[in-house]
C-alpha atoms as a PDB file:
ATOM      1  CA  UNK A   1      23.446  12.081   8.630  1.00  0.00           C
ATOM      2  CA  UNK A   2      22.451  12.256   5.080  1.00  0.00           C
ATOM      3  CA  UNK A   3      20.413  15.204   3.572  1.00  0.00           C
ATOM      4  CA  UNK A   4      18.897  15.439   0.304  1.00  0.00           C
ATOM      5  CA  UNK A   5      17.654  18.818  -0.832  1.00  0.00           C
ATOM      6  CA  UNK A   6      15.645  20.219  -4.031  1.00  0.00           C
ATOM      7  CA  UNK A   7      15.425  23.373  -5.308  1.00  0.00           C
ATOM      8  CA  UNK A   8      12.454  25.535  -5.163  1.00  0.00           C
ATOM      9  CA  UNK A   9      10.894  26.236  -8.402  1.00  0.00           C
ATOM     10  CA  UNK A  10       8.683  29.532  -9.386  1.00  0.00           C
ATOM     11  CA  UNK A  11       6.758  27.198 -11.936  1.00  0.00           C
ATOM     12  CA  UNK A  12       3.118  26.439 -10.460  1.00  0.00           C
ATOM     13  CA  UNK A  13       1.828  23.088 -11.014  1.00  0.00           C
ATOM     14  CA  UNK A  14      -1.546  21.755 -10.704  1.00  0.00           C
ATOM     15  CA  UNK A  15      -0.582  18.337  -9.688  1.00  0.00           C
ATOM     16  CA  UNK A  16      -1.273  18.119  -5.692  1.00  0.00           C
ATOM     17  CA  UNK A  17       0.725  15.627  -3.260  1.00  0.00           C
ATOM     18  CA  UNK A  18      -2.531  13.740  -2.559  1.00  0.00           C
ATOM     19  CA  UNK A  19      -3.399  13.163  -6.341  1.00  0.00           C
ATOM     20  CA  UNK A  20      -3.935   9.572  -7.469  1.00  0.00           C
ATOM     21  CA  UNK A  21      -0.635   7.837  -9.362  1.00  0.00           C
ATOM     22  CA  UNK A  22      -1.047   7.342 -12.992  1.00  0.00           C
ATOM     23  CA  UNK A  23      -1.379   3.919 -14.681  1.00  0.00           C
ATOM     24  CA  UNK A  24       2.482   3.642 -15.570  1.00  0.00           C
ATOM     25  CA  UNK A  25       3.613   4.726 -12.057  1.00  0.00           C
ATOM     26  CA  UNK A  26       1.832   1.889 -10.235  1.00  0.00           C
ATOM     27  CA  UNK A  27       3.596  -1.539  -9.768  1.00  0.00           C
ATOM     28  CA  UNK A  28       1.788  -4.713  -8.119  1.00  0.00           C
ATOM     29  CA  UNK A  29       3.156  -7.824  -6.511  1.00  0.00           C
ATOM     30  CA  UNK A  30       1.541 -11.226  -5.305  1.00  0.00           C
ATOM     31  CA  UNK A  31       0.310 -10.946  -1.520  1.00  0.00           C
ATOM     32  CA  UNK A  32      -1.487 -14.109  -0.033  1.00  0.00           C
ATOM     33  CA  UNK A  33      -2.224 -17.036  -2.385  1.00  0.00           C
ATOM     34  CA  UNK A  34      -4.873 -19.823  -2.242  1.00  0.00           C
ATOM     35  CA  UNK A  35      -3.720 -23.178  -1.276  1.00  0.00           C
ATOM     36  CA  UNK A  36      -3.308 -24.424  -4.680  1.00  0.00           C
ATOM     37  CA  UNK A  37      -1.802 -21.112  -5.761  1.00  0.00           C
ATOM     38  CA  UNK A  38      -4.345 -20.588  -8.507  1.00  0.00           C
ATOM     39  CA  UNK A  39      -5.124 -17.003  -7.431  1.00  0.00           C
ATOM     40  CA  UNK A  40      -3.257 -14.122  -5.199  1.00  0.00           C
ATOM     41  CA  UNK A  41      -4.080 -10.995  -3.503  1.00  0.00           C
ATOM     42  CA  UNK A  42      -2.883  -8.155  -5.941  1.00  0.00           C
ATOM     43  CA  UNK A  43      -1.171  -5.472  -3.731  1.00  0.00           C
ATOM     44  CA  UNK A  44      -0.413  -2.360  -5.377  1.00  0.00           C
ATOM     45  CA  UNK A  45       2.504   0.070  -4.747  1.00  0.00           C
ATOM     46  CA  UNK A  46       4.774   2.847  -6.001  1.00  0.00           C
ATOM     47  CA  UNK A  47       8.193   2.954  -6.180  1.00  0.00           C
ATOM     48  CA  UNK A  48      10.915   5.461  -4.564  1.00  0.00           C
ATOM     49  CA  UNK A  49      11.464   7.417  -7.760  1.00  0.00           C
ATOM     50  CA  UNK A  50       7.538   7.744  -8.179  1.00  0.00           C
ATOM     51  CA  UNK A  51       7.413   9.330  -5.152  1.00  0.00           C
ATOM     52  CA  UNK A  52      10.119  11.542  -5.483  1.00  0.00           C
ATOM     53  CA  UNK A  53       8.950  12.604  -8.760  1.00  0.00           C
ATOM     54  CA  UNK A  54       5.596  13.510  -7.236  1.00  0.00           C
ATOM     55  CA  UNK A  55       7.377  15.766  -4.324  1.00  0.00           C
ATOM     56  CA  UNK A  56       9.492  17.569  -7.348  1.00  0.00           C
ATOM     57  CA  UNK A  57       6.063  18.310  -8.985  1.00  0.00           C
ATOM     58  CA  UNK A  58       4.054  19.379  -6.278  1.00  0.00           C
ATOM     59  CA  UNK A  59       6.219  20.445  -3.373  1.00  0.00           C
ATOM     60  CA  UNK A  60       9.499  21.654  -4.973  1.00  0.00           C
ATOM     61  CA  UNK A  61      12.013  22.669  -2.361  1.00  0.00           C
ATOM     62  CA  UNK A  62      11.445  19.613  -0.190  1.00  0.00           C
ATOM     63  CA  UNK A  63      14.572  18.104   2.048  1.00  0.00           C
ATOM     64  CA  UNK A  64      14.784  14.724   3.448  1.00  0.00           C
ATOM     65  CA  UNK A  65      17.302  13.798   6.079  1.00  0.00           C
ATOM     66  CA  UNK A  66      18.136  10.364   7.522  1.00  0.00           C
ATOM     67  CA  UNK A  67      20.434   8.791   9.831  1.00  0.00           C
ATOM     68  CA  UNK A  68      21.444   5.182   9.897  1.00  0.00           C
ATOM     69  CA  UNK A  69      21.704   2.825  12.977  1.00  0.00           C
ATOM     70  CA  UNK A  70      22.207  -0.714  13.827  1.00  0.00           C
ATOM     71  CA  UNK A  71      20.304  -1.550  17.279  1.00  0.00           C
ATOM     72  CA  UNK A  72      22.174  -3.875  19.749  1.00  0.00           C
ATOM     73  CA  UNK A  73      21.580  -7.389  19.425  1.00  0.00           C
ATOM     74  CA  UNK A  74      19.246  -6.832  16.328  1.00  0.00           C
ATOM     75  CA  UNK A  75      20.524  -7.553  12.793  1.00  0.00           C
ATOM     76  CA  UNK A  76      18.970  -5.131  11.200  1.00  0.00           C
ATOM     77  CA  UNK A  77      19.346  -1.711   9.537  1.00  0.00           C
ATOM     78  CA  UNK A  78      17.371   0.986  10.783  1.00  0.00           C
ATOM     79  CA  UNK A  79      16.921   4.326   9.169  1.00  0.00           C
ATOM     80  CA  UNK A  80      15.463   7.218  10.637  1.00  0.00           C
ATOM     81  CA  UNK A  81      14.080   9.987   8.135  1.00  0.00           C
ATOM     82  CA  UNK A  82      12.678  13.406   8.383  1.00  0.00           C
ATOM     83  CA  UNK A  83      10.557  14.904   5.120  1.00  0.00           C
ATOM     84  CA  UNK A  84      10.300  18.768   5.474  1.00  0.00           C
ATOM     85  CA  UNK A  85       8.008  20.725   3.123  1.00  0.00           C
ATOM     86  CA  UNK A  86       7.988  24.462   3.949  1.00  0.00           C
ATOM     87  CA  UNK A  87       7.744  24.723   7.821  1.00  0.00           C
ATOM     88  CA  UNK A  88       6.228  21.233   8.352  1.00  0.00           C
ATOM     89  CA  UNK A  89       8.471  18.236   8.995  1.00  0.00           C
ATOM     90  CA  UNK A  90       7.292  14.405   8.916  1.00  0.00           C
ATOM     91  CA  UNK A  91       9.364  11.548  10.715  1.00  0.00           C
ATOM     92  CA  UNK A  92       9.152   8.176  10.428  1.00  0.00           C
ATOM     93  CA  UNK A  93      11.389   4.714  10.351  1.00  0.00           C
ATOM     94  CA  UNK A  94      12.453   2.168   7.982  1.00  0.00           C
ATOM     95  CA  UNK A  95      14.098  -1.157   8.572  1.00  0.00           C
ATOM     96  CA  UNK A  96      15.446  -4.359   7.146  1.00  0.00           C
ATOM     97  CA  UNK A  97      17.229  -7.475   8.226  1.00  0.00           C
ATOM     98  CA  UNK A  98      20.937  -7.303   7.474  1.00  0.00           C
ATOM     99  CA  UNK A  99      20.551 -10.554   5.679  1.00  0.00           C
ATOM    100  CA  UNK A 100      19.224  -8.611   2.908  1.00  0.00           C
ATOM    101  CA  UNK A 101      22.335  -7.499   0.737  1.00  0.00           C
ATOM    102  CA  UNK A 102      20.378  -4.285  -0.071  1.00  0.00           C
ATOM    103  CA  UNK A 103      19.176  -3.737   3.736  1.00  0.00           C
ATOM    104  CA  UNK A 104      20.097  -0.185   3.950  1.00  0.00           C
ATOM    105  CA  UNK A 105      18.611   0.830   0.376  1.00  0.00           C
ATOM    106  CA  UNK A 106      15.444  -0.953   1.495  1.00  0.00           C
ATOM    107  CA  UNK A 107      15.441   0.578   4.772  1.00  0.00           C
ATOM    108  CA  UNK A 108      15.966   4.242   3.296  1.00  0.00           C
ATOM    109  CA  UNK A 109      13.415   3.644   0.777  1.00  0.00           C
ATOM    110  CA  UNK A 110      10.760   2.731   3.314  1.00  0.00           C
ATOM    111  CA  UNK A 111      11.368   5.459   5.779  1.00  0.00           C
ATOM    112  CA  UNK A 112      11.428   8.184   2.788  1.00  0.00           C
ATOM    113  CA  UNK A 113       7.948   6.755   1.319  1.00  0.00           C
ATOM    114  CA  UNK A 114       6.454   6.264   4.627  1.00  0.00           C
ATOM    115  CA  UNK A 115       7.398  10.285   5.617  1.00  0.00           C
ATOM    116  CA  UNK A 116       5.677  11.016   2.038  1.00  0.00           C
ATOM    117  CA  UNK A 117       2.537   9.025   3.243  1.00  0.00           C
ATOM    118  CA  UNK A 118       2.114  11.365   6.111  1.00  0.00           C
ATOM    119  CA  UNK A 119       1.628  14.338   3.509  1.00  0.00           C
ATOM    120  CA  UNK A 120      -0.929  12.100   2.007  1.00  0.00           C
ATOM    121  CA  UNK A 121       1.312  10.822  -1.075  1.00  0.00           C
ATOM    122  CA  UNK A 122      -0.119   7.794  -2.090  1.00  0.00           C
ATOM    123  CA  UNK A 123      -1.998   7.071   1.251  1.00  0.00           C
ATOM    124  CA  UNK A 124      -5.010   5.979  -0.500  1.00  0.00           C
ATOM    125  CA  UNK A 125      -3.318   2.871  -1.369  1.00  0.00           C
ATOM    126  CA  UNK A 126      -3.567   1.617   2.334  1.00  0.00           C
ATOM    127  CA  UNK A 127      -7.274   1.620   1.651  1.00  0.00           C
ATOM    128  CA  UNK A 128      -7.141  -0.766  -1.218  1.00  0.00           C
ATOM    129  CA  UNK A 129      -9.774  -3.647  -0.741  1.00  0.00           C
ATOM    130  CA  UNK A 130      -8.526  -7.474  -0.983  1.00  0.00           C
ATOM    131  CA  UNK A 131      -8.697  -8.265  -4.632  1.00  0.00           C
ATOM    132  CA  UNK A 132      -7.861 -11.692  -6.098  1.00  0.00           C
ATOM    133  CA  UNK A 133      -6.278 -12.379  -9.437  1.00  0.00           C
ATOM    134  CA  UNK A 134      -5.615 -15.443 -11.476  1.00  0.00           C
ATOM    135  CA  UNK A 135      -1.765 -16.598 -10.991  1.00  0.00           C
ATOM    136  CA  UNK A 136       0.234 -18.793 -13.314  1.00  0.00           C
ATOM    137  CA  UNK A 137       3.225 -19.970 -10.895  1.00  0.00           C
ATOM    138  CA  UNK A 138       4.357 -17.113  -9.262  1.00  0.00           C
ATOM    139  CA  UNK A 139       3.001 -14.334 -11.910  1.00  0.00           C
ATOM    140  CA  UNK A 140      -0.230 -12.942 -12.349  1.00  0.00           C
ATOM    141  CA  UNK A 141      -1.853 -14.022 -15.851  1.00  0.00           C
ATOM    142  CA  UNK A 142      -2.837 -11.243 -18.427  1.00  0.00           C
ATOM    143  CA  UNK A 143      -0.653  -8.944 -16.569  1.00  0.00           C
ATOM    144  CA  UNK A 144      -1.760  -6.102 -18.939  1.00  0.00           C
ATOM    145  CA  UNK A 145      -5.290  -6.643 -18.281  1.00  0.00           C
ATOM    146  CA  UNK A 146      -4.799  -7.001 -14.423  1.00  0.00           C
ATOM    147  CA  UNK A 147      -2.745  -3.317 -14.696  1.00  0.00           C
ATOM    148  CA  UNK A 148      -5.819  -1.803 -16.400  1.00  0.00           C
ATOM    149  CA  UNK A 149      -8.310  -3.157 -13.865  1.00  0.00           C
ATOM    150  CA  UNK A 150      -6.448  -2.361 -10.948  1.00  0.00           C
ATOM    151  CA  UNK A 151      -5.619   1.372 -11.832  1.00  0.00           C
ATOM    152  CA  UNK A 152      -9.371   1.757 -12.145  1.00  0.00           C
ATOM    153  CA  UNK A 153      -9.897   0.133  -8.883  1.00  0.00           C
ATOM    154  CA  UNK A 154      -7.439   2.718  -7.340  1.00  0.00           C
ATOM    155  CA  UNK A 155      -8.905   5.558  -8.834  1.00  0.00           C
ATOM    156  CA  UNK A 156     -12.267   4.497  -7.480  1.00  0.00           C
ATOM    157  CA  UNK A 157     -10.676   4.179  -3.794  1.00  0.00           C
ATOM    158  CA  UNK A 158      -8.979   7.209  -3.955  1.00  0.00           C
ATOM    159  CA  UNK A 159     -12.300   9.029  -5.287  1.00  0.00           C
ATOM    160  CA  UNK A 160     -14.538   7.434  -2.690  1.00  0.00           C
ATOM    161  CA  UNK A 161     -12.238   8.827   0.277  1.00  0.00           C
ATOM    162  CA  UNK A 162     -12.140   5.504   1.647  1.00  0.00           C
ATOM    163  CA  UNK A 163     -15.690   4.593   1.594  1.00  0.00           C
ATOM    164  CA  UNK A 164     -16.031   1.118   0.082  1.00  0.00           C
ATOM    165  CA  UNK A 165     -19.690   1.103  -0.191  1.00  0.00           C
ATOM    166  CA  UNK A 166     -19.457   3.195  -3.030  1.00  0.00           C
ATOM    167  CA  UNK A 167     -17.341   0.894  -5.086  1.00  0.00           C
ATOM    168  CA  UNK A 168     -18.935  -1.859  -7.188  1.00  0.00           C
ATOM    169  CA  UNK A 169     -16.330  -4.607  -6.088  1.00  0.00           C
ATOM    170  CA  UNK A 170     -18.793  -7.173  -7.901  1.00  0.00           C
ATOM    171  CA  UNK A 171     -17.984  -5.725 -11.416  1.00  0.00           C
ATOM    172  CA  UNK A 172     -14.136  -6.164 -10.545  1.00  0.00           C
ATOM    173  CA  UNK A 173     -14.756  -9.786  -9.028  1.00  0.00           C
ATOM    174  CA  UNK A 174     -16.833 -10.780 -12.117  1.00  0.00           C
ATOM    175  CA  UNK A 175     -13.951  -9.521 -14.313  1.00  0.00           C
ATOM    176  CA  UNK A 176     -11.122 -11.816 -12.443  1.00  0.00           C
ATOM    177  CA  UNK A 177     -13.496 -14.904 -12.682  1.00  0.00           C
ATOM    178  CA  UNK A 178     -13.836 -14.188 -16.263  1.00  0.00           C
ATOM    179  CA  UNK A 179      -9.915 -14.174 -16.591  1.00  0.00           C
ATOM    180  CA  UNK A 180      -9.652 -17.472 -14.450  1.00  0.00           C
ATOM    181  CA  UNK A 181     -12.238 -18.896 -16.970  1.00  0.00           C
ATOM    182  CA  UNK A 182     -10.045 -17.734 -19.998  1.00  0.00           C
ATOM    183  CA  UNK A 183     -12.304 -14.984 -21.153  1.00  0.00           C
ATOM    184  CA  UNK A 184     -11.364 -11.554 -22.075  1.00  0.00           C
ATOM    185  CA  UNK A 185     -13.700  -8.799 -20.982  1.00  0.00           C
ATOM    186  CA  UNK A 186     -14.417  -5.065 -21.818  1.00  0.00           C
ATOM    187  CA  UNK A 187     -11.867  -2.573 -20.541  1.00  0.00           C
ATOM    188  CA  UNK A 188     -12.265  -1.396 -17.068  1.00  0.00           C
ATOM    189  CA  UNK A 189     -13.792   2.018 -17.044  1.00  0.00           C
ATOM    190  CA  UNK A 190     -12.201   4.656 -14.786  1.00  0.00           C
ATOM    191  CA  UNK A 191     -14.960   6.386 -12.606  1.00  0.00           C
ATOM    192  CA  UNK A 192     -16.967   9.447 -13.506  1.00  0.00           C
ATOM    193  CA  UNK A 193     -14.793  12.786 -12.717  1.00  0.00           C
ATOM    194  CA  UNK A 194     -11.591  10.827 -12.164  1.00  0.00           C
ATOM    195  CA  UNK A 195      -8.324  12.083 -13.985  1.00  0.00           C
ATOM    196  CA  UNK A 196      -7.958   9.731 -16.897  1.00  0.00           C
ATOM    197  CA  UNK A 197      -4.559   7.432 -16.731  1.00  0.00           C
ATOM    198  CA  UNK A 198      -1.464   8.269 -18.569  1.00  0.00           C
ATOM    199  CA  UNK A 199      -0.848   6.125 -21.580  1.00  0.00           C
ATOM    200  CA  UNK A 200       1.143   3.227 -20.368  1.00  0.00           C
ATOM    201  CA  UNK A 201       4.565   2.080 -22.076  1.00  0.00           C
ATOM    202  CA  UNK A 202       4.251  -1.116 -23.739  1.00  0.00           C
ATOM    203  CA  UNK A 203       6.163  -3.711 -21.632  1.00  0.00           C
ATOM    204  CA  UNK A 204       5.637  -6.839 -19.721  1.00  0.00           C
ATOM    205  CA  UNK A 205       4.825  -6.068 -16.418  1.00  0.00           C
ATOM    206  CA  UNK A 206       4.507  -9.727 -15.006  1.00  0.00           C
ATOM    207  CA  UNK A 207       4.167  -9.488 -11.018  1.00  0.00           C
ATOM    208  CA  UNK A 208       6.563  -9.544  -8.688  1.00  0.00           C
ATOM    209  CA  UNK A 209       5.354 -12.636  -6.658  1.00  0.00           C
ATOM    210  CA  UNK A 210       8.841 -14.116  -6.056  1.00  0.00           C
ATOM    211  CA  UNK A 211       9.702 -11.387  -3.389  1.00  0.00           C
ATOM    212  CA  UNK A 212       8.623 -12.250   0.144  1.00  0.00           C
ATOM    213  CA  UNK A 213       5.701 -14.578  -1.089  1.00  0.00           C
ATOM    214  CA  UNK A 214       3.131 -15.178   1.637  1.00  0.00           C
ATOM    215  CA  UNK A 215       2.042 -18.573   3.091  1.00  0.00           C
ATOM    216  CA  UNK A 216      -0.917 -20.295   1.172  1.00  0.00           C
ATOM    217  CA  UNK A 217      -4.274 -19.469   2.436  1.00  0.00           C
ATOM    218  CA  UNK A 218      -6.200 -22.892   2.865  1.00  0.00           C
ATOM    219  CA  UNK A 219      -9.728 -22.578   2.121  1.00  0.00           C
ATOM    220  CA  UNK A 220     -10.202 -18.961   1.959  1.00  0.00           C
ATOM    221  CA  UNK A 221     -13.883 -19.379   2.279  1.00  0.00           C
ATOM    222  CA  UNK A 222     -13.672 -21.059   5.427  1.00  0.00           C
ATOM    223  CA  UNK A 223     -14.433 -19.164   8.772  1.00  0.00           C
ATOM    224  CA  UNK A 224     -11.453 -17.499  10.312  1.00  0.00           C
ATOM    225  CA  UNK A 225      -9.673 -19.288  13.286  1.00  0.00           C
ATOM    226  CA  UNK A 226      -9.821 -17.904  16.623  1.00  0.00           C
ATOM    227  CA  UNK A 227      -5.879 -17.471  16.641  1.00  0.00           C
ATOM    228  CA  UNK A 228      -6.322 -15.227  13.284  1.00  0.00           C
ATOM    229  CA  UNK A 229      -8.732 -13.343  14.921  1.00  0.00           C
ATOM    230  CA  UNK A 230      -6.799 -12.699  18.221  1.00  0.00           C
ATOM    231  CA  UNK A 231      -3.832 -11.674  15.885  1.00  0.00           C
ATOM    232  CA  UNK A 232      -6.086  -9.134  13.800  1.00  0.00           C
ATOM    233  CA  UNK A 233      -7.509  -7.850  17.049  1.00  0.00           C
ATOM    234  CA  UNK A 234      -3.726  -7.258  18.449  1.00  0.00           C
ATOM    235  CA  UNK A 235      -2.651  -5.390  15.424  1.00  0.00           C
ATOM    236  CA  UNK A 236      -5.993  -3.132  15.174  1.00  0.00           C
ATOM    237  CA  UNK A 237      -5.977  -2.235  18.903  1.00  0.00           C
ATOM    238  CA  UNK A 238      -2.477  -0.658  18.159  1.00  0.00           C
ATOM    239  CA  UNK A 239      -4.213   1.943  16.140  1.00  0.00           C
ATOM    240  CA  UNK A 240      -8.088   1.692  16.860  1.00  0.00           C
ATOM    241  CA  UNK A 241      -9.370   1.621  20.511  1.00  0.00           C
ATOM    242  CA  UNK A 242     -13.205   1.632  19.563  1.00  0.00           C
ATOM    243  CA  UNK A 243     -14.754  -1.749  18.512  1.00  0.00           C
ATOM    244  CA  UNK A 244     -17.138   0.003  16.175  1.00  0.00           C
ATOM    245  CA  UNK A 245     -14.341   1.753  14.296  1.00  0.00           C
ATOM    246  CA  UNK A 246     -12.467  -1.640  14.222  1.00  0.00           C
ATOM    247  CA  UNK A 247     -15.327  -3.078  12.244  1.00  0.00           C
ATOM    248  CA  UNK A 248     -15.618  -0.051   9.768  1.00  0.00           C
ATOM    249  CA  UNK A 249     -11.987  -0.261   9.118  1.00  0.00           C
ATOM    250  CA  UNK A 250     -12.355  -3.983   8.442  1.00  0.00           C
ATOM    251  CA  UNK A 251     -15.295  -3.200   6.259  1.00  0.00           C
ATOM    252  CA  UNK A 252     -13.125  -0.767   4.060  1.00  0.00           C
ATOM    253  CA  UNK A 253     -10.368  -3.597   3.666  1.00  0.00           C
ATOM    254  CA  UNK A 254     -12.767  -6.406   2.826  1.00  0.00           C
ATOM    255  CA  UNK A 255     -15.556  -4.297   0.937  1.00  0.00           C
ATOM    256  CA  UNK A 256     -18.414  -5.657   2.797  1.00  0.00           C
ATOM    257  CA  UNK A 257     -20.134  -5.022   6.211  1.00  0.00           C
ATOM    258  CA  UNK A 258     -18.489  -6.313   9.029  1.00  0.00           C
ATOM    259  CA  UNK A 259     -20.058  -6.802  12.565  1.00  0.00           C
ATOM    260  CA  UNK A 260     -17.213  -8.628  14.038  1.00  0.00           C
ATOM    261  CA  UNK A 261     -13.914  -9.842  13.109  1.00  0.00           C
ATOM    262  CA  UNK A 262     -14.933 -13.231  14.195  1.00  0.00           C
ATOM    263  CA  UNK A 263     -17.322 -13.625  11.622  1.00  0.00           C
ATOM    264  CA  UNK A 264     -14.885 -13.135   8.815  1.00  0.00           C
ATOM    265  CA  UNK A 265     -13.548 -15.799   6.381  1.00  0.00           C
ATOM    266  CA  UNK A 266     -10.037 -17.058   6.250  1.00  0.00           C
ATOM    267  CA  UNK A 267      -9.397 -14.971   3.227  1.00  0.00           C
ATOM    268  CA  UNK A 268     -10.947 -11.977   4.596  1.00  0.00           C
ATOM    269  CA  UNK A 269      -9.237 -11.837   8.009  1.00  0.00           C
ATOM    270  CA  UNK A 270      -5.951 -12.721   6.059  1.00  0.00           C
ATOM    271  CA  UNK A 271      -6.575  -9.568   4.046  1.00  0.00           C
ATOM    272  CA  UNK A 272      -7.251  -7.561   7.289  1.00  0.00           C
ATOM    273  CA  UNK A 273      -3.797  -8.903   8.714  1.00  0.00           C
ATOM    274  CA  UNK A 274      -2.007  -7.621   5.690  1.00  0.00           C
ATOM    275  CA  UNK A 275      -3.130  -4.359   5.816  1.00  0.00           C
ATOM    276  CA  UNK A 276      -3.086  -3.603   9.598  1.00  0.00           C
ATOM    277  CA  UNK A 277       0.647  -4.633   9.518  1.00  0.00           C
ATOM    278  CA  UNK A 278       1.361  -1.430   7.147  1.00  0.00           C
ATOM    279  CA  UNK A 279      -1.271   1.061   8.220  1.00  0.00           C
ATOM    280  CA  UNK A 280       0.195   4.175   9.599  1.00  0.00           C
ATOM    281  CA  UNK A 281      -0.374   5.338  12.960  1.00  0.00           C
ATOM    282  CA  UNK A 282      -0.476   9.408  13.753  1.00  0.00           C
ATOM    283  CA  UNK A 283       0.679  11.084  16.624  1.00  0.00           C
ATOM    284  CA  UNK A 284       1.668  14.512  17.356  1.00  0.00           C
ATOM    285  CA  UNK A 285       5.409  15.626  17.428  1.00  0.00           C
ATOM    286  CA  UNK A 286       7.098  19.058  17.487  1.00  0.00           C
ATOM    287  CA  UNK A 287       9.442  20.398  14.826  1.00  0.00           C
ATOM    288  CA  UNK A 288      10.836  23.883  14.026  1.00  0.00           C
ATOM    289  CA  UNK A 289       8.283  25.173  16.421  1.00  0.00           C
ATOM    290  CA  UNK A 290       5.252  24.005  14.536  1.00  0.00           C
ATOM    291  CA  UNK A 291       3.031  21.084  15.304  1.00  0.00           C
ATOM    292  CA  UNK A 292       4.033  18.334  12.723  1.00  0.00           C
ATOM    293  CA  UNK A 293       2.647  14.827  12.314  1.00  0.00           C
ATOM    294  CA  UNK A 294       4.800  11.683  12.984  1.00  0.00           C
ATOM    295  CA  UNK A 295       3.970   8.427  11.504  1.00  0.00           C
ATOM    296  CA  UNK A 296       4.666   5.178  13.189  1.00  0.00           C
ATOM    297  CA  UNK A 297       4.231   1.891  11.874  1.00  0.00           C
ATOM    298  CA  UNK A 298       4.118  -1.658  12.935  1.00  0.00           C
ATOM    299  CA  UNK A 299       7.009  -3.968  11.700  1.00  0.00           C
ATOM    300  CA  UNK A 300       6.032  -5.326   8.241  1.00  0.00           C
ATOM    301  CA  UNK A 301       7.735  -6.677   5.119  1.00  0.00           C
ATOM    302  CA  UNK A 302       7.633  -5.065   1.649  1.00  0.00           C
ATOM    303  CA  UNK A 303       4.403  -6.883   0.387  1.00  0.00           C
ATOM    304  CA  UNK A 304       2.469  -5.179   3.392  1.00  0.00           C
ATOM    305  CA  UNK A 305       3.658  -1.881   2.248  1.00  0.00           C
ATOM    306  CA  UNK A 306       1.799  -0.202  -0.309  1.00  0.00           C
ATOM    307  CA  UNK A 307       4.842   1.924  -1.374  1.00  0.00           C
ATOM    308  CA  UNK A 308       7.010  -1.249  -1.735  1.00  0.00           C
ATOM    309  CA  UNK A 309      10.760  -1.295  -1.661  1.00  0.00           C
ATOM    310  CA  UNK A 310      13.021  -1.078  -4.509  1.00  0.00           C
END
């Protein structure tokens, strides 16, 4: 058993656990790609250190305990973690194949950040819509512009409370098309009332598509296959029992009305599958005599998890 403890502070902070992350704290990697690899889905995430900084600032005195085990007949490192803030504790699990030389580090980071998500830290990143951006090989082109656009989009998602109908996705898609055509557009504007981004350090943030690159999506505008629809339903049924709610969640992800998963395109259904692999499922657990929320998630790789792995 490993335990991390931080010291409480009397200094009051205006930062809340659920506040959006600033521009320089966000990272991006490539999700699914088109068959010609000219475009890729942008997956936004935050690092372990960014989550630790948020906890230190907004919830000083937090503790994190974890234990490591190796299940029989399963070549994986499994870390079970419990994050405690005050009298509430959140528990979650991280796992990684032992074929990865950093398996234990990855599993620890996953468990830690999923526990933090149970308190609302970065949870809005789970609701990010599928957003495509031009690629050059395994990296996004115009990385600085992408960073600016995605930060504005994440602020809108956070401010909307998950209501994608409030977000002008056509504006963002138009900008991505302009970049694909070699044009540069006016800087994206943060939504009214949103916190202004922290100035970003000048550095090359190229993208991280080389890690866990997804199979190419052939003809993303074609209708989804029966196999894709069945798989998407299997993932969503683990979390949602009502068909209307399934359609509503899918609409959040693809940013347009959904009457049935069977009516989605290959590109849209792939986005739904990617998001649902990493979506948290809340259950009730008892900790320290208090009712606490424990988060269970279906197995996923790092590109499905908005908190990423270091």
